[in-house]
Every structure is written in structure tokens, then in C-alpha cells.
């Protein structure tokens, strides 16, 4: 939240954290002030990447990875009515995923290339989404909430081929499937949406994540001498 500034006839004063928490703020000559004290919360989560590589042959490697990603929680502002205290803050979103794959390099005469294949699966817990309540119940606005859990699965394939020295073709294909495991909206927020006759979220869409994606490229290296 932005710091509280009290404007007086003589100067501007930014109160200490202690003064804001206790409300014991006294400034001679101050005309007026209005403070909103948000609840104190702390978010902590261990994140990591664990993996191993195993080289089966000179041009063949397999690997496995376990990761945990973390998107921090935060406040919803401004300070809302105590009825909505359950959504004054939103908790962290945590993604635990596993990936296995292989990286290959090959050669057939003067032609050479690479091939990489990977498969992954993960659990996205406490997915953060926006549920706008603007202009409802006097203008209450709660933009971010933890709405549910998602399972994400998919695979990726990419490779290159160099038919002649200095000329390389490359391409890749990826597939990602998202499945909603559960959805849970805070009861106070559900009550507000129902009272305003606003549709209740029934699913969670993973934004900016197409199910299928593909790419291709050409690389030409022209020697200068």
C-alpha cells in the first residue's frame, strides 16, 4: 500500500509504522487525514529445481527434472468491509512440475542434426485469477483471488537438420493440456456475485497458453573469407 501522508500547515509528514498500527498520530496544525490499515500478512515458499542428466552414449542424453515455481500473494485494495475479509489478501500460487526428456545428436554422411523430446506434468495450486466486482455493492473491487487447482500436461519436440555446412533448418512442436481439478471461490464473494445476479465462475482458463504451438526457422551462415 502507498504510504500515508499527512498534510499540515507547516510540512508533510509520513507517519511511522508504529503510529499507523496504533492510530496514535498527532500533528500540530494538521487539517485532516484518512488512514487505511491493511492486515499484516507474510508469504513464504521454498522454490527449487532438482535434476539429473545421464549420458547413454556420445550423442544421447536423457534427463529428469523436478521444479517448484511460486507466484507471491498480495493485497487487494482498498480496505474492504469486514464481511469480505477473506479476500482482502490472496495467497501464493504454487506450481509443482516434473519433466523427462532426451537430447539426441545424429549424423548421416555429411548431413547432421539434433532432436529433443520432452514430456511434462504439473499441479498448479491456488491459481490466481481476476474476478471484477466493480460497481457492485457500492463499488467494491476485488481484482485477484485464489480460485482453484489445475493439472497441466504436455510434450515438446524440436530439432534441426544441416544438409550442407552453413545451412540449417529447425522446427518445433508443443502441446499443452490444462484440466481443472477443483474451483473454490470465497463464500462472501460468491454471495456478492449472486446478489448482483452476476455469473459465477465455473472454470479457469489458462491465458496466453495455446493447446498447440509450432515454430520453424532457417539459419544461413555465409563465411566472410
Protein backbone atom coordinates (compact mmCIF):
# COMPACT_ATOMS: atom_id res chain seq x y z
CA UNK A 1 0.00 0.00 0.00
CA UNK A 2 1.02 3.59 -0.57
CA UNK A 3 2.43 5.45 2.47
CA UNK A 4 0.05 7.71 4.37
CA UNK A 5 1.00 11.38 4.08
CA UNK A 6 -0.49 13.92 6.49
CA UNK A 7 -0.57 17.45 5.16
CA UNK A 8 -0.24 20.18 7.77
CA UNK A 9 0.13 23.91 7.62
CA UNK A 10 3.88 23.60 8.08
CA UNK A 11 5.00 20.39 6.39
CA UNK A 12 4.19 16.92 5.07
CA UNK A 13 4.76 14.03 7.46
CA UNK A 14 4.96 10.29 6.74
CA UNK A 15 3.96 8.52 10.00
CA UNK A 16 5.97 5.58 11.31
CA UNK A 17 4.65 2.02 11.02
CA UNK A 18 4.02 2.02 14.78
CA UNK A 19 1.91 5.19 14.55
CA UNK A 20 -0.17 3.73 11.72
CA UNK A 21 -0.76 0.46 13.60
CA UNK A 22 -1.84 2.17 16.82
CA UNK A 23 -3.55 5.18 15.28
CA UNK A 24 -1.65 7.43 17.74
CA UNK A 25 -0.84 10.16 15.22
CA UNK A 26 -0.69 13.74 16.43
CA UNK A 27 0.47 16.57 14.19
CA UNK A 28 0.05 20.17 15.32
CA UNK A 29 -1.62 22.22 12.59
CA UNK A 30 -2.85 19.22 10.61
CA UNK A 31 -6.12 19.90 8.81
CA UNK A 32 -7.31 16.30 8.32
CA UNK A 33 -6.14 12.84 7.47
CA UNK A 34 -7.62 9.49 6.47
CA UNK A 35 -5.76 6.22 7.05
CA UNK A 36 -6.46 2.66 5.96
CA UNK A 37 -4.52 -0.03 7.78
CA UNK A 38 -4.33 -3.31 5.87
CA UNK A 39 -3.85 -6.59 7.77
CA UNK A 40 -0.25 -7.70 8.15
CA UNK A 41 0.50 -10.90 6.22
CA UNK A 42 3.66 -12.83 5.34
CA UNK A 43 4.08 -15.15 2.37
CA UNK A 44 6.89 -17.73 2.27
CA UNK A 45 7.52 -20.69 -0.01
CA UNK A 46 10.57 -22.74 -0.91
CA UNK A 47 11.27 -22.85 -4.66
CA UNK A 48 13.79 -25.15 -6.30
CA UNK A 49 14.91 -27.05 -9.39
CA UNK A 50 16.26 -30.60 -8.99
CA UNK A 51 17.51 -32.57 -11.97
CA UNK A 52 19.91 -35.16 -13.28
CA UNK A 53 21.44 -35.92 -16.68
CA UNK A 54 22.53 -39.34 -17.87
CA UNK A 55 24.64 -39.65 -20.99
CA UNK A 56 23.84 -43.05 -22.51
CA UNK A 57 26.19 -42.56 -25.45
CA UNK A 58 28.29 -39.84 -27.04
CA UNK A 59 25.26 -38.26 -28.75
CA UNK A 60 22.44 -39.50 -26.50
CA UNK A 61 21.44 -37.90 -23.19
CA UNK A 62 18.35 -38.41 -21.03
CA UNK A 63 17.29 -36.20 -18.13
CA UNK A 64 14.64 -35.72 -15.45
CA UNK A 65 13.71 -32.52 -13.61
CA UNK A 66 11.53 -31.67 -10.60
CA UNK A 67 10.67 -27.98 -10.17
CA UNK A 68 8.61 -25.74 -7.91
CA UNK A 69 7.56 -22.30 -9.07
CA UNK A 70 5.93 -19.62 -6.94
CA UNK A 71 3.87 -16.51 -7.62
CA UNK A 72 3.63 -14.41 -4.49
CA UNK A 73 0.42 -13.36 -2.80
CA UNK A 74 -0.57 -9.75 -2.25
CA UNK A 75 -3.24 -7.33 -1.04
CA UNK A 76 -6.50 -6.39 -2.68
CA UNK A 77 -7.02 -2.67 -2.16
CA UNK A 78 -8.66 -0.53 -0.95
CA UNK A 79 -9.61 -1.80 2.50
CA UNK A 80 -12.90 -3.70 2.17
CA UNK A 81 -15.78 -4.33 4.56
CA UNK A 82 -15.08 -6.96 7.21
CA UNK A 83 -17.66 -9.21 5.50
CA UNK A 84 -15.11 -9.60 2.67
CA UNK A 85 -12.08 -10.04 4.96
CA UNK A 86 -11.42 -13.46 3.41
CA UNK A 87 -10.46 -11.79 0.13
CA UNK A 88 -8.63 -8.74 1.47
CA UNK A 89 -5.47 -10.69 0.60
CA UNK A 90 -4.80 -13.53 -1.80
CA UNK A 91 -2.36 -16.37 -1.16
CA UNK A 92 0.59 -17.50 -3.27
CA UNK A 93 0.11 -19.66 -6.36
CA UNK A 94 2.41 -22.71 -6.46
CA UNK A 95 3.30 -24.88 -9.46
CA UNK A 96 4.98 -28.27 -8.89
CA UNK A 97 6.00 -29.99 -12.11
CA UNK A 98 8.01 -32.93 -13.42
CA UNK A 99 9.75 -33.21 -16.77
CA UNK A 100 11.57 -36.07 -18.51
CA UNK A 101 13.25 -35.92 -21.87
CA UNK A 102 16.09 -36.79 -24.17
CA UNK A 103 18.55 -34.84 -26.31
CA UNK A 104 19.98 -36.53 -29.39
CA UNK A 105 22.56 -35.59 -31.99
CA UNK A 106 22.95 -37.59 -35.20
CA UNK A 107 24.90 -37.68 -38.45
CA UNK A 108 24.33 -39.43 -41.77
CA UNK A 109 27.28 -38.82 -44.06
CA UNK A 110 27.68 -35.05 -44.37
CA UNK A 111 24.16 -34.42 -43.04
CA UNK A 112 23.84 -33.80 -39.32
CA UNK A 113 21.07 -32.79 -36.94
CA UNK A 114 19.61 -32.75 -33.45
CA UNK A 115 16.37 -34.00 -31.88
CA UNK A 116 15.00 -33.05 -28.45
CA UNK A 117 11.89 -34.62 -26.89
CA UNK A 118 10.34 -33.76 -23.52
CA UNK A 119 7.15 -34.63 -21.63
CA UNK A 120 5.90 -32.86 -18.52
CA UNK A 121 3.12 -32.82 -15.96
CA UNK A 122 2.39 -30.45 -13.11
CA UNK A 123 -0.07 -29.28 -10.46
CA UNK A 124 -0.94 -25.58 -10.27
CA UNK A 125 -2.38 -24.93 -6.80
CA UNK A 126 -4.15 -21.76 -5.69
CA UNK A 127 -4.49 -20.38 -9.22
CA UNK A 128 -4.77 -16.59 -9.08
CA UNK A 129 -7.47 -15.06 -11.28
CA UNK A 130 -9.25 -11.73 -11.53
CA UNK A 131 -12.92 -11.52 -10.58
CA UNK A 132 -14.11 -7.97 -11.09
CA UNK A 133 -16.82 -6.71 -8.75
CA UNK A 134 -16.67 -3.10 -9.90
CA UNK A 135 -19.91 -1.15 -9.43
CA UNK A 136 -21.38 -3.91 -7.28
CA UNK A 137 -22.46 -3.20 -3.72
CA UNK A 138 -21.28 0.39 -3.71
CA UNK A 139 -18.25 -0.05 -5.91
CA UNK A 140 -16.37 -2.83 -4.10
CA UNK A 141 -13.49 -4.01 -6.33
CA UNK A 142 -11.59 -7.24 -5.61
CA UNK A 143 -9.38 -7.95 -8.62
CA UNK A 144 -7.42 -11.03 -7.55
CA UNK A 145 -8.41 -14.26 -5.77
CA UNK A 146 -7.23 -17.86 -5.42
CA UNK A 147 -9.80 -19.76 -7.41
CA UNK A 148 -8.74 -23.39 -7.78
CA UNK A 149 -6.29 -26.10 -8.79
CA UNK A 150 -5.22 -27.15 -12.29
CA UNK A 151 -3.35 -30.14 -13.74
CA UNK A 152 -1.11 -29.29 -16.69
CA UNK A 153 0.33 -31.94 -19.06
CA UNK A 154 2.08 -31.80 -22.38
CA UNK A 155 5.09 -32.51 -24.55
CA UNK A 156 7.61 -30.67 -26.71
CA UNK A 157 9.58 -31.80 -29.75
CA UNK A 158 12.19 -29.75 -31.57
CA UNK A 159 15.06 -30.47 -33.89
CA UNK A 160 17.46 -29.23 -36.53
CA UNK A 161 18.93 -30.58 -39.74
CA UNK A 162 22.02 -29.29 -41.50
CA UNK A 163 22.16 -30.78 -45.02
CA UNK A 164 25.19 -28.71 -46.01
CA UNK A 165 27.63 -26.70 -43.96
CA UNK A 166 26.28 -23.20 -43.23
CA UNK A 167 22.60 -24.02 -43.89
CA UNK A 168 20.36 -25.27 -41.04
CA UNK A 169 16.63 -25.88 -40.84
CA UNK A 170 14.93 -26.03 -37.45
CA UNK A 171 11.45 -26.50 -36.07
CA UNK A 172 9.44 -27.39 -33.03
CA UNK A 173 6.02 -28.60 -31.91
CA UNK A 174 4.43 -28.29 -28.45
CA UNK A 175 1.19 -29.50 -26.89
CA UNK A 176 -0.19 -28.34 -23.54
CA UNK A 177 -3.42 -29.58 -21.94
CA UNK A 178 -4.92 -27.93 -18.85
CA UNK A 179 -7.53 -29.71 -16.74
CA UNK A 180 -9.46 -28.08 -13.92
CA UNK A 181 -9.26 -30.24 -10.79
CA UNK A 182 -11.31 -28.02 -8.49
CA UNK A 183 -12.66 -24.49 -8.22
CA UNK A 184 -13.32 -22.68 -4.97
CA UNK A 185 -14.44 -19.06 -4.55
CA UNK A 186 -14.63 -17.34 -1.16
CA UNK A 187 -18.23 -17.56 0.19
CA UNK A 188 -18.51 -13.80 0.77
CA UNK A 189 -17.53 -13.10 -2.84
CA UNK A 190 -20.00 -15.72 -4.10
CA UNK A 191 -22.76 -14.08 -2.06
CA UNK A 192 -22.00 -10.70 -3.62
CA UNK A 193 -21.99 -12.10 -7.16
CA UNK A 194 -25.27 -13.96 -6.61
CA UNK A 195 -26.93 -10.90 -5.05
CA UNK A 196 -25.93 -8.84 -8.08
CA UNK A 197 -27.12 -11.60 -10.45
CA UNK A 198 -23.61 -11.92 -11.91
CA UNK A 199 -22.45 -15.21 -13.38
CA UNK A 200 -20.41 -17.44 -11.06
CA UNK A 201 -17.06 -18.66 -12.47
CA UNK A 202 -17.37 -22.33 -13.44
CA UNK A 203 -13.94 -22.91 -14.96
CA UNK A 204 -10.45 -21.40 -15.13
CA UNK A 205 -8.85 -20.54 -18.45
CA UNK A 206 -5.04 -20.54 -18.63
CA UNK A 207 -4.45 -17.30 -20.52
CA UNK A 208 -1.89 -16.92 -23.30
CA UNK A 209 -1.34 -20.69 -23.42
CA UNK A 210 -2.44 -22.30 -26.70
CA UNK A 211 -3.05 -26.05 -26.76
CA UNK A 212 -0.89 -26.49 -29.85
CA UNK A 213 2.02 -24.33 -30.98
CA UNK A 214 4.67 -24.75 -33.66
CA UNK A 215 7.66 -22.84 -34.94
CA UNK A 216 10.25 -23.05 -37.69
CA UNK A 217 13.46 -21.29 -38.58
CA UNK A 218 16.21 -21.14 -41.17
CA UNK A 219 19.82 -20.31 -40.36
CA UNK A 220 22.31 -19.37 -43.10
CA UNK A 221 25.94 -18.80 -42.24
CA UNK A 222 27.90 -17.08 -45.02
CA UNK A 223 31.66 -17.16 -44.46
CA UNK A 224 33.39 -13.81 -44.88
CA UNK A 225 36.55 -15.33 -46.31
